[in-house]
């Protein structure tokens, strides 16, 4: 995904492999890429984790699952995104 149209405060959705999905909020945009703060707990992230992406929406290898690959921003819309329901405590 080309990140040029994303802005601070925008909600984005990310995947690592086929089945792992996470949501986050853009907190910093630069010509080189952006930073996203995770807003959903997943098996790879904790709410509040800071994730880094290049200008094409590809994440760092060390911030994804080693079996599934780096995080990738897949969309900036809730359409066709599966997010697990949060656990009630």
C-alpha atoms as a PDB file:
ATOM      1  CA  UNK A   1       0.000   0.000   0.000  1.00  0.00           C
ATOM      2  CA  UNK A   2       1.300   3.449  -0.895  1.00  0.00           C
ATOM      3  CA  UNK A   3       1.414   5.391   2.369  1.00  0.00           C
ATOM      4  CA  UNK A   4       1.508   8.908   0.846  1.00  0.00           C
ATOM      5  CA  UNK A   5      -2.199   9.452   1.505  1.00  0.00           C
ATOM      6  CA  UNK A   6      -2.128   8.379   5.169  1.00  0.00           C
ATOM      7  CA  UNK A   7      -2.266  11.020   7.915  1.00  0.00           C
ATOM      8  CA  UNK A   8      -1.568  11.143  11.651  1.00  0.00           C
ATOM      9  CA  UNK A   9      -4.565   9.837  13.577  1.00  0.00           C
ATOM     10  CA  UNK A  10      -5.818   7.624  10.753  1.00  0.00           C
ATOM     11  CA  UNK A  11      -6.761   4.025  11.559  1.00  0.00           C
ATOM     12  CA  UNK A  12      -4.984   1.359   9.495  1.00  0.00           C
ATOM     13  CA  UNK A  13      -5.062  -2.422   9.311  1.00  0.00           C
ATOM     14  CA  UNK A  14      -2.038  -4.678   9.047  1.00  0.00           C
ATOM     15  CA  UNK A  15      -1.355  -8.334   8.351  1.00  0.00           C
ATOM     16  CA  UNK A  16       1.568 -10.660   8.968  1.00  0.00           C
ATOM     17  CA  UNK A  17       1.035 -13.669   6.785  1.00  0.00           C
ATOM     18  CA  UNK A  18      -2.397 -14.981   5.854  1.00  0.00           C
ATOM     19  CA  UNK A  19      -4.161 -15.151   9.176  1.00  0.00           C
ATOM     20  CA  UNK A  20      -2.723 -12.580  11.571  1.00  0.00           C
ATOM     21  CA  UNK A  21      -4.480  -9.194  11.546  1.00  0.00           C
ATOM     22  CA  UNK A  22      -3.937  -6.123  13.682  1.00  0.00           C
ATOM     23  CA  UNK A  23      -5.238  -2.550  13.781  1.00  0.00           C
ATOM     24  CA  UNK A  24      -3.356   0.595  14.620  1.00  0.00           C
ATOM     25  CA  UNK A  25      -3.305   4.364  14.449  1.00  0.00           C
ATOM     26  CA  UNK A  26      -0.790   6.373  12.438  1.00  0.00           C
ATOM     27  CA  UNK A  27       1.303   8.450  14.870  1.00  0.00           C
ATOM     28  CA  UNK A  28       4.069   9.758  12.583  1.00  0.00           C
ATOM     29  CA  UNK A  29       4.432  10.269   8.822  1.00  0.00           C
ATOM     30  CA  UNK A  30       7.756  10.993   7.073  1.00  0.00           C
ATOM     31  CA  UNK A  31       8.891  10.830   3.420  1.00  0.00           C
ATOM     32  CA  UNK A  32      10.556   7.487   4.251  1.00  0.00           C
ATOM     33  CA  UNK A  33       7.492   5.875   5.835  1.00  0.00           C
ATOM     34  CA  UNK A  34       5.421   5.961   8.985  1.00  0.00           C
ATOM     35  CA  UNK A  35       4.971   4.770  12.547  1.00  0.00           C
ATOM     36  CA  UNK A  36       1.801   3.074  13.732  1.00  0.00           C
ATOM     37  CA  UNK A  37       0.733   2.403  17.321  1.00  0.00           C
ATOM     38  CA  UNK A  38      -1.108  -0.915  17.728  1.00  0.00           C
ATOM     39  CA  UNK A  39      -4.671  -0.454  19.001  1.00  0.00           C
ATOM     40  CA  UNK A  40      -5.613  -4.140  19.096  1.00  0.00           C
ATOM     41  CA  UNK A  41      -3.932  -6.982  20.973  1.00  0.00           C
ATOM     42  CA  UNK A  42      -2.840  -9.816  18.709  1.00  0.00           C
ATOM     43  CA  UNK A  43      -0.602 -12.818  19.170  1.00  0.00           C
ATOM     44  CA  UNK A  44       2.260 -10.590  17.906  1.00  0.00           C
ATOM     45  CA  UNK A  45       1.456  -7.202  19.432  1.00  0.00           C
ATOM     46  CA  UNK A  46       0.351  -5.589  22.632  1.00  0.00           C
ATOM     47  CA  UNK A  47      -1.858  -2.515  22.591  1.00  0.00           C
ATOM     48  CA  UNK A  48       0.493   0.454  22.424  1.00  0.00           C
ATOM     49  CA  UNK A  49       3.334  -1.260  20.532  1.00  0.00           C
ATOM     50  CA  UNK A  50       5.017   1.055  18.016  1.00  0.00           C
ATOM     51  CA  UNK A  51       5.440  -0.477  14.545  1.00  0.00           C
ATOM     52  CA  UNK A  52       7.551   0.974  11.721  1.00  0.00           C
ATOM     53  CA  UNK A  53       6.738   0.901   7.982  1.00  0.00           C
ATOM     54  CA  UNK A  54       8.464   2.055   4.814  1.00  0.00           C
ATOM     55  CA  UNK A  55       6.752   4.244   2.208  1.00  0.00           C
ATOM     56  CA  UNK A  56       5.242   1.135   0.575  1.00  0.00           C
ATOM     57  CA  UNK A  57       3.616  -0.052   3.824  1.00  0.00           C
ATOM     58  CA  UNK A  58       6.105  -2.870   4.479  1.00  0.00           C
ATOM     59  CA  UNK A  59       7.149  -3.352   8.087  1.00  0.00           C
ATOM     60  CA  UNK A  60      10.451  -4.306   9.638  1.00  0.00           C
ATOM     61  CA  UNK A  61      11.266  -8.016   9.679  1.00  0.00           C
ATOM     62  CA  UNK A  62      11.861  -7.967  13.437  1.00  0.00           C
ATOM     63  CA  UNK A  63       8.352  -6.621  14.127  1.00  0.00           C
ATOM     64  CA  UNK A  64       6.333  -9.440  12.536  1.00  0.00           C
ATOM     65  CA  UNK A  65       6.111 -13.186  12.964  1.00  0.00           C
ATOM     66  CA  UNK A  66       9.191 -14.993  11.808  1.00  0.00           C
ATOM     67  CA  UNK A  67       6.992 -17.713  10.333  1.00  0.00           C
ATOM     68  CA  UNK A  68       4.663 -15.234   8.602  1.00  0.00           C
ATOM     69  CA  UNK A  69       6.915 -12.296   7.755  1.00  0.00           C
ATOM     70  CA  UNK A  70       6.896  -8.619   8.573  1.00  0.00           C
ATOM     71  CA  UNK A  71       3.745  -6.607   9.169  1.00  0.00           C
ATOM     72  CA  UNK A  72       2.256  -4.988   6.077  1.00  0.00           C
ATOM     73  CA  UNK A  73      -0.347  -2.231   5.983  1.00  0.00           C
ATOM     74  CA  UNK A  74      -3.163  -3.686   3.930  1.00  0.00           C
ATOM     75  CA  UNK A  75      -5.883  -1.053   4.109  1.00  0.00           C
ATOM     76  CA  UNK A  76      -7.113   2.106   5.757  1.00  0.00           C
ATOM     77  CA  UNK A  77     -10.736   0.958   5.885  1.00  0.00           C
ATOM     78  CA  UNK A  78     -12.709  -1.557   7.907  1.00  0.00           C
ATOM     79  CA  UNK A  79     -14.046  -3.206   4.750  1.00  0.00           C
ATOM     80  CA  UNK A  80     -13.049  -6.871   4.513  1.00  0.00           C
ATOM     81  CA  UNK A  81     -11.000  -6.821   7.706  1.00  0.00           C
ATOM     82  CA  UNK A  82     -11.371  -9.512  10.357  1.00  0.00           C
ATOM     83  CA  UNK A  83     -10.461  -8.451  13.874  1.00  0.00           C
ATOM     84  CA  UNK A  84     -11.099 -10.803  16.769  1.00  0.00           C
ATOM     85  CA  UNK A  85     -13.470  -9.564  19.455  1.00  0.00           C
ATOM     86  CA  UNK A  86     -11.636  -8.318  22.536  1.00  0.00           C
ATOM     87  CA  UNK A  87     -11.671 -10.672  25.512  1.00  0.00           C
ATOM     88  CA  UNK A  88     -14.023  -9.666  28.307  1.00  0.00           C
ATOM     89  CA  UNK A  89     -12.281  -9.665  31.675  1.00  0.00           C
END
